[in-house]
C-alpha atoms as a PDB file:
ATOM      1  CA  UNK A   1       0.000   0.000   0.000  1.00  0.00           C
ATOM      2  CA  UNK A   2       2.838   2.336   0.993  1.00  0.00           C
ATOM      3  CA  UNK A   3       4.642   1.385  -2.210  1.00  0.00           C
ATOM      4  CA  UNK A   4       1.654   2.450  -4.326  1.00  0.00           C
ATOM      5  CA  UNK A   5       1.545   5.826  -2.575  1.00  0.00           C
ATOM      6  CA  UNK A   6       5.228   6.374  -3.262  1.00  0.00           C
ATOM      7  CA  UNK A   7       4.754   5.520  -6.965  1.00  0.00           C
ATOM      8  CA  UNK A   8       1.773   7.902  -7.211  1.00  0.00           C
ATOM      9  CA  UNK A   9       3.753  10.670  -5.495  1.00  0.00           C
ATOM     10  CA  UNK A  10       6.685  10.054  -7.853  1.00  0.00           C
ATOM     11  CA  UNK A  11       4.452  10.266 -10.954  1.00  0.00           C
ATOM     12  CA  UNK A  12       2.812  13.490  -9.717  1.00  0.00           C
ATOM     13  CA  UNK A  13       6.244  14.988  -9.051  1.00  0.00           C
ATOM     14  CA  UNK A  14       7.331  14.146 -12.604  1.00  0.00           C
ATOM     15  CA  UNK A  15       4.181  15.775 -14.039  1.00  0.00           C
ATOM     16  CA  UNK A  16       4.708  18.945 -11.991  1.00  0.00           C
ATOM     17  CA  UNK A  17       8.345  19.107 -13.062  1.00  0.00           C
ATOM     18  CA  UNK A  18       7.311  18.696 -16.714  1.00  0.00           C
ATOM     19  CA  UNK A  19       4.818  21.553 -16.470  1.00  0.00           C
ATOM     20  CA  UNK A  20       7.361  23.838 -14.802  1.00  0.00           C
ATOM     21  CA  UNK A  21      10.077  22.891 -17.289  1.00  0.00           C
ATOM     22  CA  UNK A  22       7.977  23.341 -20.445  1.00  0.00           C
ATOM     23  CA  UNK A  23       6.090  26.374 -19.196  1.00  0.00           C
ATOM     24  CA  UNK A  24       2.716  25.075 -20.348  1.00  0.00           C
ATOM     25  CA  UNK A  25      -0.686  24.195 -19.044  1.00  0.00           C
ATOM     26  CA  UNK A  26      -1.513  20.650 -20.013  1.00  0.00           C
ATOM     27  CA  UNK A  27      -4.821  18.892 -20.486  1.00  0.00           C
ATOM     28  CA  UNK A  28      -3.614  15.308 -20.559  1.00  0.00           C
ATOM     29  CA  UNK A  29      -6.654  13.536 -22.003  1.00  0.00           C
ATOM     30  CA  UNK A  30      -7.111  15.944 -24.907  1.00  0.00           C
ATOM     31  CA  UNK A  31      -3.459  16.699 -25.707  1.00  0.00           C
ATOM     32  CA  UNK A  32      -3.923  20.477 -25.762  1.00  0.00           C
ATOM     33  CA  UNK A  33      -1.011  22.703 -24.762  1.00  0.00           C
ATOM     34  CA  UNK A  34      -0.846  26.434 -24.104  1.00  0.00           C
ATOM     35  CA  UNK A  35       2.773  27.544 -23.918  1.00  0.00           C
ATOM     36  CA  UNK A  36       3.474  30.506 -21.667  1.00  0.00           C
ATOM     37  CA  UNK A  37       6.991  30.373 -23.078  1.00  0.00           C
ATOM     38  CA  UNK A  38       6.548  29.910 -26.844  1.00  0.00           C
ATOM     39  CA  UNK A  39       7.958  26.617 -28.062  1.00  0.00           C
ATOM     40  CA  UNK A  40      10.568  26.337 -30.797  1.00  0.00           C
ATOM     41  CA  UNK A  41       9.865  23.558 -33.294  1.00  0.00           C
ATOM     42  CA  UNK A  42      13.014  22.712 -35.302  1.00  0.00           C
ATOM     43  CA  UNK A  43      10.876  21.872 -38.350  1.00  0.00           C
ATOM     44  CA  UNK A  44       9.279  25.332 -38.522  1.00  0.00           C
ATOM     45  CA  UNK A  45      11.275  28.429 -39.322  1.00  0.00           C
ATOM     46  CA  UNK A  46      10.440  32.085 -39.948  1.00  0.00           C
ATOM     47  CA  UNK A  47      12.995  33.028 -42.572  1.00  0.00           C
ATOM     48  CA  UNK A  48      11.811  36.625 -43.005  1.00  0.00           C
ATOM     49  CA  UNK A  49       9.833  39.063 -40.877  1.00  0.00           C
ATOM     50  CA  UNK A  50       9.436  42.775 -41.450  1.00  0.00           C
ATOM     51  CA  UNK A  51       7.622  43.993 -38.312  1.00  0.00           C
ATOM     52  CA  UNK A  52       6.935  47.445 -39.764  1.00  0.00           C
ATOM     53  CA  UNK A  53       5.041  46.070 -42.768  1.00  0.00           C
ATOM     54  CA  UNK A  54       3.597  42.714 -41.677  1.00  0.00           C
ATOM     55  CA  UNK A  55       0.226  42.502 -39.915  1.00  0.00           C
ATOM     56  CA  UNK A  56       1.006  41.527 -36.338  1.00  0.00           C
ATOM     57  CA  UNK A  57      -0.782  38.594 -34.724  1.00  0.00           C
ATOM     58  CA  UNK A  58      -0.628  34.848 -34.432  1.00  0.00           C
ATOM     59  CA  UNK A  59      -1.263  32.321 -37.198  1.00  0.00           C
ATOM     60  CA  UNK A  60      -3.361  29.182 -36.740  1.00  0.00           C
ATOM     61  CA  UNK A  61      -3.118  26.188 -39.064  1.00  0.00           C
ATOM     62  CA  UNK A  62      -3.310  22.439 -39.360  1.00  0.00           C
ATOM     63  CA  UNK A  63       0.108  20.770 -39.450  1.00  0.00           C
ATOM     64  CA  UNK A  64       0.334  17.237 -40.855  1.00  0.00           C
ATOM     65  CA  UNK A  65       3.986  17.043 -41.864  1.00  0.00           C
ATOM     66  CA  UNK A  66       4.650  14.386 -39.231  1.00  0.00           C
ATOM     67  CA  UNK A  67       2.374  11.486 -40.069  1.00  0.00           C
ATOM     68  CA  UNK A  68       2.449  10.179 -36.517  1.00  0.00           C
ATOM     69  CA  UNK A  69       1.475  13.521 -34.932  1.00  0.00           C
ATOM     70  CA  UNK A  70      -1.130  15.524 -36.877  1.00  0.00           C
ATOM     71  CA  UNK A  71      -2.025  18.645 -34.963  1.00  0.00           C
ATOM     72  CA  UNK A  72      -3.379  22.185 -34.972  1.00  0.00           C
ATOM     73  CA  UNK A  73      -0.844  24.850 -34.043  1.00  0.00           C
ATOM     74  CA  UNK A  74      -0.902  28.567 -33.383  1.00  0.00           C
ATOM     75  CA  UNK A  75       2.409  30.324 -33.934  1.00  0.00           C
ATOM     76  CA  UNK A  76       3.645  33.828 -33.202  1.00  0.00           C
ATOM     77  CA  UNK A  77       5.363  36.088 -35.724  1.00  0.00           C
ATOM     78  CA  UNK A  78       8.704  34.403 -34.949  1.00  0.00           C
ATOM     79  CA  UNK A  79       7.228  30.989 -35.765  1.00  0.00           C
ATOM     80  CA  UNK A  80       7.220  29.806 -32.170  1.00  0.00           C
ATOM     81  CA  UNK A  81       4.274  27.718 -31.049  1.00  0.00           C
ATOM     82  CA  UNK A  82       2.005  29.386 -28.494  1.00  0.00           C
ATOM     83  CA  UNK A  83      -0.746  26.744 -28.586  1.00  0.00           C
ATOM     84  CA  UNK A  84      -1.200  23.299 -30.061  1.00  0.00           C
ATOM     85  CA  UNK A  85      -3.749  20.548 -30.146  1.00  0.00           C
ATOM     86  CA  UNK A  86      -2.586  17.063 -31.091  1.00  0.00           C
ATOM     87  CA  UNK A  87      -5.334  14.972 -32.650  1.00  0.00           C
ATOM     88  CA  UNK A  88      -6.342  11.962 -30.537  1.00  0.00           C
ATOM     89  CA  UNK A  89      -5.151   8.667 -31.953  1.00  0.00           C
ATOM     90  CA  UNK A  90      -8.683   7.684 -32.956  1.00  0.00           C
ATOM     91  CA  UNK A  91      -8.959  10.749 -35.223  1.00  0.00           C
ATOM     92  CA  UNK A  92      -5.498  10.859 -36.782  1.00  0.00           C
ATOM     93  CA  UNK A  93      -6.540   9.044 -39.952  1.00  0.00           C
ATOM     94  CA  UNK A  94      -8.992  11.824 -40.907  1.00  0.00           C
ATOM     95  CA  UNK A  95      -6.734  14.615 -42.139  1.00  0.00           C
ATOM     96  CA  UNK A  96      -6.979  14.399 -45.915  1.00  0.00           C
ATOM     97  CA  UNK A  97      -8.183  15.949 -48.114  1.00  0.00           C
ATOM     98  CA  UNK A  98      -8.743  19.274 -46.433  1.00  0.00           C
ATOM     99  CA  UNK A  99      -8.063  19.446 -42.696  1.00  0.00           C
ATOM    100  CA  UNK A 100      -9.618  22.908 -42.343  1.00  0.00           C
ATOM    101  CA  UNK A 101      -9.219  24.979 -39.167  1.00  0.00           C
ATOM    102  CA  UNK A 102     -11.068  28.161 -38.175  1.00  0.00           C
ATOM    103  CA  UNK A 103     -10.529  30.325 -35.095  1.00  0.00           C
ATOM    104  CA  UNK A 104     -13.879  31.416 -33.658  1.00  0.00           C
ATOM    105  CA  UNK A 105     -14.616  34.789 -31.994  1.00  0.00           C
ATOM    106  CA  UNK A 106     -14.919  33.085 -28.578  1.00  0.00           C
ATOM    107  CA  UNK A 107     -11.356  31.734 -29.035  1.00  0.00           C
ATOM    108  CA  UNK A 108     -12.636  28.220 -29.625  1.00  0.00           C
ATOM    109  CA  UNK A 109     -11.327  26.335 -32.635  1.00  0.00           C
ATOM    110  CA  UNK A 110     -13.552  24.755 -35.289  1.00  0.00           C
ATOM    111  CA  UNK A 111     -12.110  22.104 -37.589  1.00  0.00           C
ATOM    112  CA  UNK A 112     -13.190  19.591 -40.206  1.00  0.00           C
ATOM    113  CA  UNK A 113     -11.849  16.047 -40.289  1.00  0.00           C
ATOM    114  CA  UNK A 114     -12.465  14.739 -43.829  1.00  0.00           C
ATOM    115  CA  UNK A 115     -14.473  11.551 -43.944  1.00  0.00           C
ATOM    116  CA  UNK A 116     -15.426  11.829 -40.286  1.00  0.00           C
ATOM    117  CA  UNK A 117     -16.984  15.066 -39.038  1.00  0.00           C
ATOM    118  CA  UNK A 118     -16.616  18.526 -37.521  1.00  0.00           C
ATOM    119  CA  UNK A 119     -15.409  19.469 -34.046  1.00  0.00           C
ATOM    120  CA  UNK A 120     -15.380  22.615 -31.951  1.00  0.00           C
ATOM    121  CA  UNK A 121     -12.904  22.609 -29.079  1.00  0.00           C
ATOM    122  CA  UNK A 122     -11.979  25.123 -26.406  1.00  0.00           C
ATOM    123  CA  UNK A 123      -8.371  26.066 -25.735  1.00  0.00           C
ATOM    124  CA  UNK A 124      -8.130  23.286 -23.183  1.00  0.00           C
ATOM    125  CA  UNK A 125      -8.847  20.790 -25.948  1.00  0.00           C
ATOM    126  CA  UNK A 126     -12.291  19.906 -24.659  1.00  0.00           C
ATOM    127  CA  UNK A 127     -14.918  19.143 -27.301  1.00  0.00           C
ATOM    128  CA  UNK A 128     -17.806  21.593 -26.861  1.00  0.00           C
ATOM    129  CA  UNK A 129     -19.660  20.685 -30.072  1.00  0.00           C
ATOM    130  CA  UNK A 130     -19.385  18.061 -32.771  1.00  0.00           C
ATOM    131  CA  UNK A 131     -21.223  16.944 -35.860  1.00  0.00           C
ATOM    132  CA  UNK A 132     -20.318  13.559 -37.292  1.00  0.00           C
ATOM    133  CA  UNK A 133     -20.790  13.151 -41.022  1.00  0.00           C
ATOM    134  CA  UNK A 134     -18.503  11.006 -43.196  1.00  0.00           C
ATOM    135  CA  UNK A 135     -19.463  13.188 -46.147  1.00  0.00           C
ATOM    136  CA  UNK A 136     -17.456  16.231 -45.128  1.00  0.00           C
ATOM    137  CA  UNK A 137     -14.187  17.522 -46.566  1.00  0.00           C
ATOM    138  CA  UNK A 138     -12.066  20.611 -47.208  1.00  0.00           C
ATOM    139  CA  UNK A 139     -13.995  23.499 -45.651  1.00  0.00           C
ATOM    140  CA  UNK A 140     -16.167  24.409 -42.659  1.00  0.00           C
ATOM    141  CA  UNK A 141     -17.473  27.812 -41.515  1.00  0.00           C
ATOM    142  CA  UNK A 142     -19.384  28.897 -38.438  1.00  0.00           C
ATOM    143  CA  UNK A 143     -22.101  31.339 -39.451  1.00  0.00           C
ATOM    144  CA  UNK A 144     -23.160  34.410 -37.416  1.00  0.00           C
ATOM    145  CA  UNK A 145     -26.461  32.699 -36.490  1.00  0.00           C
ATOM    146  CA  UNK A 146     -24.574  29.777 -34.921  1.00  0.00           C
ATOM    147  CA  UNK A 147     -25.174  27.357 -37.784  1.00  0.00           C
ATOM    148  CA  UNK A 148     -22.302  25.526 -39.444  1.00  0.00           C
ATOM    149  CA  UNK A 149     -21.733  25.471 -43.200  1.00  0.00           C
ATOM    150  CA  UNK A 150     -19.543  22.797 -44.812  1.00  0.00           C
ATOM    151  CA  UNK A 151     -18.754  21.030 -48.055  1.00  0.00           C
ATOM    152  CA  UNK A 152     -18.352  17.517 -49.374  1.00  0.00           C
ATOM    153  CA  UNK A 153     -16.215  17.024 -52.430  1.00  0.00           C
ATOM    154  CA  UNK A 154     -13.898  14.094 -51.811  1.00  0.00           C
ATOM    155  CA  UNK A 155     -15.168  11.349 -54.114  1.00  0.00           C
ATOM    156  CA  UNK A 156     -18.598  12.944 -54.231  1.00  0.00           C
ATOM    157  CA  UNK A 157     -21.210  11.655 -56.662  1.00  0.00           C
ATOM    158  CA  UNK A 158     -24.184  13.165 -58.436  1.00  0.00           C
ATOM    159  CA  UNK A 159     -26.494  11.917 -55.702  1.00  0.00           C
ATOM    160  CA  UNK A 160     -24.660  13.861 -52.988  1.00  0.00           C
ATOM    161  CA  UNK A 161     -25.367  17.370 -51.739  1.00  0.00           C
ATOM    162  CA  UNK A 162     -22.059  19.202 -52.052  1.00  0.00           C
ATOM    163  CA  UNK A 163     -22.947  21.829 -49.421  1.00  0.00           C
ATOM    164  CA  UNK A 164     -24.814  21.465 -46.130  1.00  0.00           C
ATOM    165  CA  UNK A 165     -25.793  23.880 -43.394  1.00  0.00           C
ATOM    166  CA  UNK A 166     -26.648  22.409 -39.997  1.00  0.00           C
ATOM    167  CA  UNK A 167     -27.961  24.031 -36.837  1.00  0.00           C
ATOM    168  CA  UNK A 168     -26.553  23.491 -33.343  1.00  0.00           C
ATOM    169  CA  UNK A 169     -28.494  20.231 -33.000  1.00  0.00           C
ATOM    170  CA  UNK A 170     -27.019  18.870 -36.244  1.00  0.00           C
ATOM    171  CA  UNK A 171     -30.222  19.216 -38.239  1.00  0.00           C
ATOM    172  CA  UNK A 172     -29.719  20.054 -41.926  1.00  0.00           C
ATOM    173  CA  UNK A 173     -31.439  23.389 -42.532  1.00  0.00           C
ATOM    174  CA  UNK A 174     -30.097  24.103 -46.027  1.00  0.00           C
ATOM    175  CA  UNK A 175     -28.209  22.221 -48.700  1.00  0.00           C
ATOM    176  CA  UNK A 176     -27.101  22.525 -52.301  1.00  0.00           C
ATOM    177  CA  UNK A 177     -26.607  19.822 -54.908  1.00  0.00           C
ATOM    178  CA  UNK A 178     -24.702  20.489 -58.113  1.00  0.00           C
ATOM    179  CA  UNK A 179     -26.812  17.968 -60.002  1.00  0.00           C
ATOM    180  CA  UNK A 180     -29.748  20.381 -60.321  1.00  0.00           C
ATOM    181  CA  UNK A 181     -27.886  22.797 -62.608  1.00  0.00           C
ATOM    182  CA  UNK A 182     -24.685  21.048 -63.699  1.00  0.00           C
ATOM    183  CA  UNK A 183     -25.663  17.553 -64.821  1.00  0.00           C
ATOM    184  CA  UNK A 184     -25.144  18.625 -68.418  1.00  0.00           C
ATOM    185  CA  UNK A 185     -22.236  19.365 -70.798  1.00  0.00           C
ATOM    186  CA  UNK A 186     -19.468  20.268 -70.167  1.00  0.00           C
ATOM    187  CA  UNK A 187     -19.775  19.163 -66.527  1.00  0.00           C
ATOM    188  CA  UNK A 188     -21.721  15.921 -66.526  1.00  0.00           C
ATOM    189  CA  UNK A 189     -18.845  13.552 -67.332  1.00  0.00           C
ATOM    190  CA  UNK A 190     -16.126  15.220 -65.271  1.00  0.00           C
ATOM    191  CA  UNK A 191     -14.495  13.086 -62.592  1.00  0.00           C
ATOM    192  CA  UNK A 192     -11.322  13.611 -60.565  1.00  0.00           C
ATOM    193  CA  UNK A 193     -11.418  12.575 -56.904  1.00  0.00           C
ATOM    194  CA  UNK A 194     -15.159  12.921 -57.190  1.00  0.00           C
ATOM    195  CA  UNK A 195     -17.612  14.494 -59.586  1.00  0.00           C
ATOM    196  CA  UNK A 196     -17.310  18.117 -58.446  1.00  0.00           C
ATOM    197  CA  UNK A 197     -14.581  17.806 -55.784  1.00  0.00           C
ATOM    198  CA  UNK A 198     -16.165  20.856 -54.148  1.00  0.00           C
ATOM    199  CA  UNK A 199     -13.508  22.345 -51.879  1.00  0.00           C
ATOM    200  CA  UNK A 200     -14.924  25.554 -50.402  1.00  0.00           C
ATOM    201  CA  UNK A 201     -18.060  27.424 -49.444  1.00  0.00           C
ATOM    202  CA  UNK A 202     -18.763  30.833 -47.930  1.00  0.00           C
ATOM    203  CA  UNK A 203     -21.963  32.647 -47.021  1.00  0.00           C
ATOM    204  CA  UNK A 204     -21.989  36.092 -48.611  1.00  0.00           C
ATOM    205  CA  UNK A 205     -23.185  39.355 -47.036  1.00  0.00           C
ATOM    206  CA  UNK A 206     -26.199  39.405 -49.392  1.00  0.00           C
ATOM    207  CA  UNK A 207     -27.349  36.018 -48.103  1.00  0.00           C
ATOM    208  CA  UNK A 208     -26.199  34.123 -51.174  1.00  0.00           C
ATOM    209  CA  UNK A 209     -23.654  31.313 -51.008  1.00  0.00           C
ATOM    210  CA  UNK A 210     -20.388  31.144 -52.946  1.00  0.00           C
ATOM    211  CA  UNK A 211     -19.276  27.610 -53.803  1.00  0.00           C
ATOM    212  CA  UNK A 212     -16.092  26.241 -55.365  1.00  0.00           C
ATOM    213  CA  UNK A 213     -16.666  23.012 -57.364  1.00  0.00           C
ATOM    214  CA  UNK A 214     -12.991  22.478 -58.157  1.00  0.00           C
ATOM    215  CA  UNK A 215     -13.455  20.084 -61.060  1.00  0.00           C
ATOM    216  CA  UNK A 216     -15.753  22.494 -62.891  1.00  0.00           C
ATOM    217  CA  UNK A 217     -13.104  25.249 -63.032  1.00  0.00           C
ATOM    218  CA  UNK A 218     -15.430  27.976 -61.790  1.00  0.00           C
ATOM    219  CA  UNK A 219     -17.090  29.544 -58.772  1.00  0.00           C
ATOM    220  CA  UNK A 220     -20.852  29.370 -58.354  1.00  0.00           C
ATOM    221  CA  UNK A 221     -23.015  31.902 -56.518  1.00  0.00           C
ATOM    222  CA  UNK A 222     -26.434  30.584 -55.518  1.00  0.00           C
ATOM    223  CA  UNK A 223     -29.303  32.325 -53.741  1.00  0.00           C
ATOM    224  CA  UNK A 224     -31.173  30.965 -50.688  1.00  0.00           C
ATOM    225  CA  UNK A 225     -33.606  29.199 -53.034  1.00  0.00           C
ATOM    226  CA  UNK A 226     -30.579  27.342 -54.533  1.00  0.00           C
ATOM    227  CA  UNK A 227     -30.887  29.070 -57.902  1.00  0.00           C
ATOM    228  CA  UNK A 228     -27.629  29.900 -59.656  1.00  0.00           C
ATOM    229  CA  UNK A 229     -27.099  33.671 -59.681  1.00  0.00           C
ATOM    230  CA  UNK A 230     -23.829  33.642 -61.579  1.00  0.00           C
ATOM    231  CA  UNK A 231     -20.924  31.464 -62.628  1.00  0.00           C
ATOM    232  CA  UNK A 232     -17.539  33.135 -62.141  1.00  0.00           C
ATOM    233  CA  UNK A 233     -14.192  32.371 -63.762  1.00  0.00           C
ATOM    234  CA  UNK A 234     -15.212  29.656 -66.204  1.00  0.00           C
ATOM    235  CA  UNK A 235     -12.688  30.935 -68.751  1.00  0.00           C
ATOM    236  CA  UNK A 236      -9.645  31.156 -66.515  1.00  0.00           C
ATOM    237  CA  UNK A 237      -9.987  29.263 -63.224  1.00  0.00           C
ATOM    238  CA  UNK A 238      -8.124  25.953 -62.893  1.00  0.00           C
ATOM    239  CA  UNK A 239      -8.591  23.737 -59.813  1.00  0.00           C
ATOM    240  CA  UNK A 240      -9.365  26.881 -57.793  1.00  0.00           C
ATOM    241  CA  UNK A 241      -9.295  26.831 -53.986  1.00  0.00           C
ATOM    242  CA  UNK A 242     -10.829  28.715 -51.079  1.00  0.00           C
ATOM    243  CA  UNK A 243     -12.454  31.863 -52.494  1.00  0.00           C
ATOM    244  CA  UNK A 244     -12.840  34.728 -50.022  1.00  0.00           C
ATOM    245  CA  UNK A 245     -15.295  37.575 -50.511  1.00  0.00           C
ATOM    246  CA  UNK A 246     -13.547  40.856 -49.704  1.00  0.00           C
ATOM    247  CA  UNK A 247     -15.183  43.916 -48.109  1.00  0.00           C
ATOM    248  CA  UNK A 248     -15.193  45.637 -51.529  1.00  0.00           C
ATOM    249  CA  UNK A 249     -17.180  42.734 -53.022  1.00  0.00           C
ATOM    250  CA  UNK A 250     -14.263  41.308 -54.989  1.00  0.00           C
ATOM    251  CA  UNK A 251     -13.221  37.682 -54.630  1.00  0.00           C
ATOM    252  CA  UNK A 252      -9.739  36.498 -53.637  1.00  0.00           C
ATOM    253  CA  UNK A 253      -8.972  32.958 -54.773  1.00  0.00           C
ATOM    254  CA  UNK A 254      -6.056  30.558 -55.218  1.00  0.00           C
ATOM    255  CA  UNK A 255      -5.800  29.398 -58.838  1.00  0.00           C
ATOM    256  CA  UNK A 256      -3.847  26.348 -60.031  1.00  0.00           C
ATOM    257  CA  UNK A 257      -2.849  27.686 -63.393  1.00  0.00           C
ATOM    258  CA  UNK A 258       0.797  27.413 -64.440  1.00  0.00           C
ATOM    259  CA  UNK A 259       2.234  28.957 -62.365  1.00  0.00           C
ATOM    260  CA  UNK A 260      -0.045  28.782 -59.351  1.00  0.00           C
ATOM    261  CA  UNK A 261      -1.355  32.223 -58.522  1.00  0.00           C
ATOM    262  CA  UNK A 262      -3.616  34.316 -56.338  1.00  0.00           C
ATOM    263  CA  UNK A 263      -6.319  36.307 -58.126  1.00  0.00           C
ATOM    264  CA  UNK A 264      -8.555  39.132 -56.998  1.00  0.00           C
ATOM    265  CA  UNK A 265     -11.630  39.115 -59.230  1.00  0.00           C
ATOM    266  CA  UNK A 266     -14.447  41.576 -59.720  1.00  0.00           C
ATOM    267  CA  UNK A 267     -17.350  39.084 -59.818  1.00  0.00           C
ATOM    268  CA  UNK A 268     -19.603  41.378 -61.832  1.00  0.00           C
ATOM    269  CA  UNK A 269     -17.212  42.283 -64.660  1.00  0.00           C
ATOM    270  CA  UNK A 270     -14.896  39.258 -64.181  1.00  0.00           C
ATOM    271  CA  UNK A 271     -11.960  41.624 -64.424  1.00  0.00           C
ATOM    272  CA  UNK A 272      -8.836  40.349 -62.658  1.00  0.00           C
ATOM    273  CA  UNK A 273      -7.910  43.441 -60.654  1.00  0.00           C
ATOM    274  CA  UNK A 274      -4.857  41.962 -58.873  1.00  0.00           C
ATOM    275  CA  UNK A 275      -2.772  38.835 -59.250  1.00  0.00           C
ATOM    276  CA  UNK A 276       0.315  37.311 -57.723  1.00  0.00           C
ATOM    277  CA  UNK A 277       2.160  34.355 -59.249  1.00  0.00           C
ATOM    278  CA  UNK A 278       3.976  31.843 -57.045  1.00  0.00           C
ATOM    279  CA  UNK A 279       6.981  30.684 -59.041  1.00  0.00           C
ATOM    280  CA  UNK A 280       8.552  28.435 -56.411  1.00  0.00           C
ATOM    281  CA  UNK A 281       7.195  24.979 -57.296  1.00  0.00           C
ATOM    282  CA  UNK A 282       8.067  23.477 -53.921  1.00  0.00           C
ATOM    283  CA  UNK A 283       5.298  25.642 -52.435  1.00  0.00           C
ATOM    284  CA  UNK A 284       2.679  24.160 -54.793  1.00  0.00           C
ATOM    285  CA  UNK A 285      -0.159  23.464 -54.442  1.00  0.00           C
ATOM    286  CA  UNK A 286      -1.267  26.888 -53.208  1.00  0.00           C
ATOM    287  CA  UNK A 287      -4.634  26.416 -51.545  1.00  0.00           C
ATOM    288  CA  UNK A 288      -5.417  29.482 -49.467  1.00  0.00           C
ATOM    289  CA  UNK A 289      -5.169  33.282 -49.532  1.00  0.00           C
ATOM    290  CA  UNK A 290      -6.575  35.721 -46.981  1.00  0.00           C
ATOM    291  CA  UNK A 291      -6.666  39.510 -47.226  1.00  0.00           C
ATOM    292  CA  UNK A 292      -5.439  41.055 -43.956  1.00  0.00           C
ATOM    293  CA  UNK A 293      -6.759  44.288 -42.390  1.00  0.00           C
ATOM    294  CA  UNK A 294      -3.737  46.307 -43.575  1.00  0.00           C
ATOM    295  CA  UNK A 295      -4.245  45.211 -47.196  1.00  0.00           C
ATOM    296  CA  UNK A 296      -1.553  42.548 -47.141  1.00  0.00           C
ATOM    297  CA  UNK A 297      -2.315  39.013 -48.315  1.00  0.00           C
ATOM    298  CA  UNK A 298      -1.509  35.846 -46.368  1.00  0.00           C
ATOM    299  CA  UNK A 299      -0.867  32.919 -48.719  1.00  0.00           C
ATOM    300  CA  UNK A 300      -0.609  29.245 -47.782  1.00  0.00           C
ATOM    301  CA  UNK A 301       1.513  26.896 -49.858  1.00  0.00           C
ATOM    302  CA  UNK A 302       2.453  23.300 -49.160  1.00  0.00           C
ATOM    303  CA  UNK A 303       5.836  24.058 -47.600  1.00  0.00           C
ATOM    304  CA  UNK A 304       5.483  27.733 -46.730  1.00  0.00           C
ATOM    305  CA  UNK A 305       3.082  30.401 -45.509  1.00  0.00           C
ATOM    306  CA  UNK A 306       3.913  33.950 -46.504  1.00  0.00           C
ATOM    307  CA  UNK A 307       2.597  37.490 -46.372  1.00  0.00           C
ATOM    308  CA  UNK A 308       2.950  40.050 -49.144  1.00  0.00           C
ATOM    309  CA  UNK A 309       2.003  43.714 -49.448  1.00  0.00           C
ATOM    310  CA  UNK A 310      -0.349  45.044 -52.160  1.00  0.00           C
ATOM    311  CA  UNK A 311       2.837  45.906 -54.067  1.00  0.00           C
ATOM    312  CA  UNK A 312       3.887  42.237 -53.767  1.00  0.00           C
ATOM    313  CA  UNK A 313       6.728  42.793 -51.315  1.00  0.00           C
ATOM    314  CA  UNK A 314       7.413  39.754 -49.139  1.00  0.00           C
ATOM    315  CA  UNK A 315       7.189  40.783 -45.475  1.00  0.00           C
ATOM    316  CA  UNK A 316       6.781  37.478 -43.629  1.00  0.00           C
ATOM    317  CA  UNK A 317       7.799  33.926 -44.513  1.00  0.00           C
ATOM    318  CA  UNK A 318       7.246  30.783 -42.465  1.00  0.00           C
ATOM    319  CA  UNK A 319       8.562  27.558 -43.939  1.00  0.00           C
ATOM    320  CA  UNK A 320       9.028  23.894 -43.229  1.00  0.00           C
ATOM    321  CA  UNK A 321      12.724  23.445 -42.551  1.00  0.00           C
ATOM    322  CA  UNK A 322      14.663  20.305 -43.492  1.00  0.00           C
ATOM    323  CA  UNK A 323      11.438  18.450 -44.278  1.00  0.00           C
ATOM    324  CA  UNK A 324      11.512  16.415 -47.457  1.00  0.00           C
ATOM    325  CA  UNK A 325       8.500  14.453 -48.636  1.00  0.00           C
ATOM    326  CA  UNK A 326       9.291  10.955 -49.851  1.00  0.00           C
ATOM    327  CA  UNK A 327       7.214  11.507 -52.958  1.00  0.00           C
ATOM    328  CA  UNK A 328       5.878  14.728 -54.548  1.00  0.00           C
ATOM    329  CA  UNK A 329       2.417  13.198 -54.380  1.00  0.00           C
ATOM    330  CA  UNK A 330       2.650  13.317 -50.583  1.00  0.00           C
ATOM    331  CA  UNK A 331       2.883  17.091 -50.559  1.00  0.00           C
ATOM    332  CA  UNK A 332      -0.861  17.876 -50.814  1.00  0.00           C
ATOM    333  CA  UNK A 333      -1.657  15.507 -47.936  1.00  0.00           C
ATOM    334  CA  UNK A 334       1.253  16.283 -45.616  1.00  0.00           C
ATOM    335  CA  UNK A 335       1.974  19.923 -46.384  1.00  0.00           C
ATOM    336  CA  UNK A 336       0.213  23.044 -45.161  1.00  0.00           C
ATOM    337  CA  UNK A 337      -3.399  23.434 -46.319  1.00  0.00           C
ATOM    338  CA  UNK A 338      -4.812  26.693 -44.937  1.00  0.00           C
ATOM    339  CA  UNK A 339      -3.824  29.299 -42.370  1.00  0.00           C
ATOM    340  CA  UNK A 340      -5.502  32.238 -40.621  1.00  0.00           C
ATOM    341  CA  UNK A 341      -3.906  35.280 -39.022  1.00  0.00           C
ATOM    342  CA  UNK A 342      -5.445  36.037 -35.637  1.00  0.00           C
ATOM    343  CA  UNK A 343      -5.343  39.653 -34.512  1.00  0.00           C
ATOM    344  CA  UNK A 344      -4.778  40.092 -30.805  1.00  0.00           C
END
């Protein structure tokens, strides 16, 4: 009996020493860590930072580059980790395609696990809401009314709704199926990792919904009655990713032309009002671009996340350091997917 007490005391002492040494608060069961002393990860390096021109804050993203330890991390402007959440073992197989992460206004974190479902966790790693649906991939958004909007595009078929909106109880309150308007030439016989491979959705300020059916090479705006309002970019979009509606009404989108590029499009005239080409192939595929409050653009590539000014000056660069994928085909699954800058 006395021996058991000594063992328990010894284990508690080790845990306390670990917390003091690492400078973090630990939630053991959920593998969430908040580092009071930011943690240096040797695989992640900020190679460039111009503090006078970059938008200050932290950056949150999914990090899959270590197969055995998929996680969500939040890093400071020096690339040091201030918070991380390591996926539980039972969920680690659900990270591809499109392990999307969104920071919520209440500081909770919402994320999609492709082929499994959607989770909302607090900063202690505790699950506060979940919605299990094997037909989810790529993108999830929390709407102002508390509903959750998400897509399904990984190996989707014509019988599937590509977009769903669910309320807090998980009830589907709105959905959209491409079959209604696109089961016709030139779209009906397309197939690459699914019929549409829809990879993004966003609810617009006018109440319409902007959808990205990747395989169709266009963006689709639909109204609440599911009628198509307009098709955008059919002449120039290639495997587009993650469109964002800007305050001026334009759309920022990652385009997989050669080279990969970021476009800002006027959706009414279809004029490309700004573009930035990413020439470094190791960063491909480029799958995310966000316009920051100071006008800069945060771009997420497979091996790097970088910030540029409107004049295309590089002012911040985070990169995977000394990480080589065994095969180029691994890059989309194991590299960076999306990132968000959080303003403190």
